[in-house]
Amino acid sequence: MKKLTGFLVLIFVFITGSLIAQNSKNSVIDINVSSQCNMCKERLEKMLAFEKGVVNSNLDVETHTLKVTYKPTKTTPEAIKKAISLTGYDADDVAADAKAYAKLPDCCKKKADRKDPNAVEKH
């Protein structure tokens, strides 16, 4: 019985160690995006949830900073920024795709591009 218990403990330690090692291989990048509201937050985080190699993302709407945890063996910061651009948002030095930006709701566009620059988020 002691051998079986010892064996199970050894397996548990091995599996736990493997999981920790896998998590330590993730990288984190902060990207300045042209988000405006909570609708932008939902849109960006949802899109990145389906992006290959992205583990997690969180947008701070007030600072326009998108923190992305990703697997460098599966994607790159450039690919992540390109995906953000194709969603309609600027990502650091990568400009938003014009067609995607045009499809954004008015509240998600930059104030200078809104039909009513004083309008606030209504959702």
C-alpha atoms as a PDB file:
ATOM      1  CA  MET A   1       0.000   0.000   0.000  1.00  0.00           C
ATOM      2  CA  LYS A   2       2.876   2.356   0.835  1.00  0.00           C
ATOM      3  CA  LYS A   3       4.424   1.711  -2.580  1.00  0.00           C
ATOM      4  CA  LEU A   4       1.146   2.551  -4.321  1.00  0.00           C
ATOM      5  CA  THR A   5       0.746   5.758  -2.292  1.00  0.00           C
ATOM      6  CA  GLY A   6       4.335   6.735  -3.027  1.00  0.00           C
ATOM      7  CA  PHE A   7       3.827   6.007  -6.714  1.00  0.00           C
ATOM      8  CA  LEU A   8       0.671   8.147  -6.848  1.00  0.00           C
ATOM      9  CA  VAL A   9       2.437  11.011  -5.076  1.00  0.00           C
ATOM     10  CA  LEU A  10       5.289  10.777  -7.569  1.00  0.00           C
ATOM     11  CA  ILE A  11       2.870  10.900 -10.503  1.00  0.00           C
ATOM     12  CA  PHE A  12       1.074  13.902  -8.962  1.00  0.00           C
ATOM     13  CA  VAL A  13       4.369  15.776  -8.519  1.00  0.00           C
ATOM     14  CA  PHE A  14       5.384  14.985 -12.101  1.00  0.00           C
ATOM     15  CA  ILE A  15       2.077  16.177 -13.577  1.00  0.00           C
ATOM     16  CA  THR A  16       2.060  19.332 -11.434  1.00  0.00           C
ATOM     17  CA  GLY A  17       5.642  20.093 -12.441  1.00  0.00           C
ATOM     18  CA  SER A  18       4.797  19.631 -16.111  1.00  0.00           C
ATOM     19  CA  LEU A  19       1.857  22.017 -15.857  1.00  0.00           C
ATOM     20  CA  ILE A  20       3.979  24.659 -14.119  1.00  0.00           C
ATOM     21  CA  ALA A  21       6.677  24.274 -16.771  1.00  0.00           C
ATOM     22  CA  GLN A  22       4.101  24.720 -19.544  1.00  0.00           C
ATOM     23  CA  ASN A  23       2.712  27.869 -17.927  1.00  0.00           C
ATOM     24  CA  SER A  24       6.186  29.321 -17.500  1.00  0.00           C
ATOM     25  CA  LYS A  25       6.650  29.148 -21.279  1.00  0.00           C
ATOM     26  CA  ASN A  26       3.943  31.767 -21.814  1.00  0.00           C
ATOM     27  CA  SER A  27       4.853  35.361 -22.598  1.00  0.00           C
ATOM     28  CA  VAL A  28       2.968  38.562 -21.784  1.00  0.00           C
ATOM     29  CA  ILE A  29       2.765  41.695 -23.902  1.00  0.00           C
ATOM     30  CA  ASP A  30       1.062  45.032 -23.247  1.00  0.00           C
ATOM     31  CA  ILE A  31      -0.422  46.610 -26.364  1.00  0.00           C
ATOM     32  CA  ASN A  32      -1.756  50.152 -26.570  1.00  0.00           C
ATOM     33  CA  VAL A  33      -5.046  49.970 -28.490  1.00  0.00           C
ATOM     34  CA  SER A  34      -7.515  52.558 -29.750  1.00  0.00           C
ATOM     35  CA  SER A  35     -10.400  51.214 -27.669  1.00  0.00           C
ATOM     36  CA  GLN A  36     -13.082  53.583 -26.409  1.00  0.00           C
ATOM     37  CA  CYS A  37     -15.622  51.684 -24.311  1.00  0.00           C
ATOM     38  CA  ASN A  38     -16.685  48.425 -22.696  1.00  0.00           C
ATOM     39  CA  MET A  39     -18.096  47.247 -26.004  1.00  0.00           C
ATOM     40  CA  CYS A  40     -14.543  47.498 -27.394  1.00  0.00           C
ATOM     41  CA  LYS A  41     -13.310  45.462 -24.430  1.00  0.00           C
ATOM     42  CA  GLU A  42     -15.823  42.699 -25.128  1.00  0.00           C
ATOM     43  CA  ARG A  43     -15.057  42.692 -28.843  1.00  0.00           C
ATOM     44  CA  LEU A  44     -11.270  42.553 -28.439  1.00  0.00           C
ATOM     45  CA  GLU A  45     -11.205  39.976 -25.652  1.00  0.00           C
ATOM     46  CA  LYS A  46     -13.685  37.744 -27.497  1.00  0.00           C
ATOM     47  CA  MET A  47     -11.707  37.946 -30.733  1.00  0.00           C
ATOM     48  CA  LEU A  48      -8.427  37.150 -28.979  1.00  0.00           C
ATOM     49  CA  ALA A  49     -10.002  34.161 -27.220  1.00  0.00           C
ATOM     50  CA  PHE A  50     -10.164  32.515 -30.650  1.00  0.00           C
ATOM     51  CA  GLU A  51      -6.724  33.654 -31.813  1.00  0.00           C
ATOM     52  CA  LYS A  52      -4.235  30.780 -32.101  1.00  0.00           C
ATOM     53  CA  GLY A  53      -1.672  30.844 -29.298  1.00  0.00           C
ATOM     54  CA  VAL A  54      -3.426  33.431 -27.122  1.00  0.00           C
ATOM     55  CA  VAL A  55      -3.958  32.139 -23.594  1.00  0.00           C
ATOM     56  CA  ASN A  56      -5.644  35.175 -22.037  1.00  0.00           C
ATOM     57  CA  SER A  57      -6.339  38.843 -22.673  1.00  0.00           C
ATOM     58  CA  ASN A  58      -7.593  41.714 -20.556  1.00  0.00           C
ATOM     59  CA  LEU A  59      -8.265  45.265 -21.713  1.00  0.00           C
ATOM     60  CA  ASP A  60      -8.069  48.169 -19.276  1.00  0.00           C
ATOM     61  CA  VAL A  61     -10.514  50.555 -20.951  1.00  0.00           C
ATOM     62  CA  GLU A  62      -9.286  53.622 -19.054  1.00  0.00           C
ATOM     63  CA  THR A  63      -5.623  53.233 -20.030  1.00  0.00           C
ATOM     64  CA  HIS A  64      -6.320  51.606 -23.438  1.00  0.00           C
ATOM     65  CA  THR A  65      -3.832  48.882 -22.491  1.00  0.00           C
ATOM     66  CA  LEU A  66      -4.491  45.337 -23.643  1.00  0.00           C
ATOM     67  CA  LYS A  67      -2.501  42.727 -21.693  1.00  0.00           C
ATOM     68  CA  VAL A  68      -2.143  39.537 -23.710  1.00  0.00           C
ATOM     69  CA  THR A  69      -0.712  36.260 -22.440  1.00  0.00           C
ATOM     70  CA  TYR A  70       0.350  34.042 -25.325  1.00  0.00           C
ATOM     71  CA  LYS A  71       2.419  31.017 -26.276  1.00  0.00           C
ATOM     72  CA  PRO A  72       5.462  32.200 -28.268  1.00  0.00           C
ATOM     73  CA  THR A  73       5.661  28.799 -29.955  1.00  0.00           C
ATOM     74  CA  LYS A  74       2.199  29.368 -31.455  1.00  0.00           C
ATOM     75  CA  THR A  75       2.036  33.114 -32.236  1.00  0.00           C
ATOM     76  CA  THR A  76       3.996  36.361 -32.185  1.00  0.00           C
ATOM     77  CA  PRO A  77       3.313  39.895 -30.957  1.00  0.00           C
ATOM     78  CA  GLU A  78       3.145  40.984 -34.603  1.00  0.00           C
ATOM     79  CA  ALA A  79       0.450  38.404 -35.392  1.00  0.00           C
ATOM     80  CA  ILE A  80      -1.548  39.473 -32.338  1.00  0.00           C
ATOM     81  CA  LYS A  81      -1.325  43.136 -33.360  1.00  0.00           C
ATOM     82  CA  LYS A  82      -2.397  42.228 -36.909  1.00  0.00           C
ATOM     83  CA  ALA A  83      -5.453  40.393 -35.527  1.00  0.00           C
ATOM     84  CA  ILE A  84      -6.333  43.464 -33.439  1.00  0.00           C
ATOM     85  CA  SER A  85      -5.960  45.652 -36.530  1.00  0.00           C
ATOM     86  CA  LEU A  86      -8.271  43.374 -38.526  1.00  0.00           C
ATOM     87  CA  THR A  87     -10.866  43.840 -35.767  1.00  0.00           C
ATOM     88  CA  GLY A  88     -10.808  47.602 -36.379  1.00  0.00           C
ATOM     89  CA  TYR A  89      -8.454  48.910 -33.700  1.00  0.00           C
ATOM     90  CA  ASP A  90      -4.973  50.424 -33.700  1.00  0.00           C
ATOM     91  CA  ALA A  91      -2.437  48.197 -31.938  1.00  0.00           C
ATOM     92  CA  ASP A  92       0.696  50.130 -30.971  1.00  0.00           C
ATOM     93  CA  ASP A  93       2.252  51.086 -34.319  1.00  0.00           C
ATOM     94  CA  VAL A  94      -0.097  48.904 -36.405  1.00  0.00           C
ATOM     95  CA  ALA A  95      -2.978  50.975 -37.776  1.00  0.00           C
ATOM     96  CA  ALA A  96      -6.525  49.659 -37.756  1.00  0.00           C
ATOM     97  CA  ASP A  97      -7.750  48.023 -40.933  1.00  0.00           C
ATOM     98  CA  ALA A  98      -9.890  50.690 -42.638  1.00  0.00           C
ATOM     99  CA  LYS A  99     -12.742  48.332 -43.615  1.00  0.00           C
ATOM    100  CA  ALA A 100     -12.946  46.798 -40.133  1.00  0.00           C
ATOM    101  CA  TYR A 101     -12.795  50.242 -38.490  1.00  0.00           C
ATOM    102  CA  ALA A 102     -15.669  51.476 -40.676  1.00  0.00           C
ATOM    103  CA  LYS A 103     -17.834  48.598 -39.409  1.00  0.00           C
ATOM    104  CA  LEU A 104     -17.327  49.470 -35.719  1.00  0.00           C
ATOM    105  CA  PRO A 105     -20.263  51.012 -33.830  1.00  0.00           C
ATOM    106  CA  ASP A 106     -20.024  54.802 -33.503  1.00  0.00           C
ATOM    107  CA  CYS A 107     -19.143  54.617 -29.793  1.00  0.00           C
ATOM    108  CA  CYS A 108     -16.130  52.422 -30.580  1.00  0.00           C
ATOM    109  CA  LYS A 109     -14.615  54.880 -33.041  1.00  0.00           C
ATOM    110  CA  LYS A 110     -12.186  57.641 -32.137  1.00  0.00           C
ATOM    111  CA  LYS A 111     -13.938  60.809 -31.007  1.00  0.00           C
ATOM    112  CA  ALA A 112     -12.809  62.698 -34.106  1.00  0.00           C
ATOM    113  CA  ASP A 113     -14.524  60.109 -36.341  1.00  0.00           C
ATOM    114  CA  ARG A 114     -17.847  59.891 -34.516  1.00  0.00           C
ATOM    115  CA  LYS A 115     -21.039  61.309 -35.947  1.00  0.00           C
ATOM    116  CA  ASP A 116     -21.633  62.878 -32.536  1.00  0.00           C
ATOM    117  CA  PRO A 117     -18.219  63.424 -30.852  1.00  0.00           C
ATOM    118  CA  ASN A 118     -19.925  64.075 -27.491  1.00  0.00           C
ATOM    119  CA  ALA A 119     -21.875  60.808 -27.557  1.00  0.00           C
ATOM    120  CA  VAL A 120     -21.067  58.290 -24.867  1.00  0.00           C
ATOM    121  CA  GLU A 121     -21.434  54.569 -24.719  1.00  0.00           C
ATOM    122  CA  LYS A 122     -25.116  53.563 -24.572  1.00  0.00           C
ATOM    123  CA  HIS A 123     -24.781  49.872 -23.769  1.00  0.00           C
END
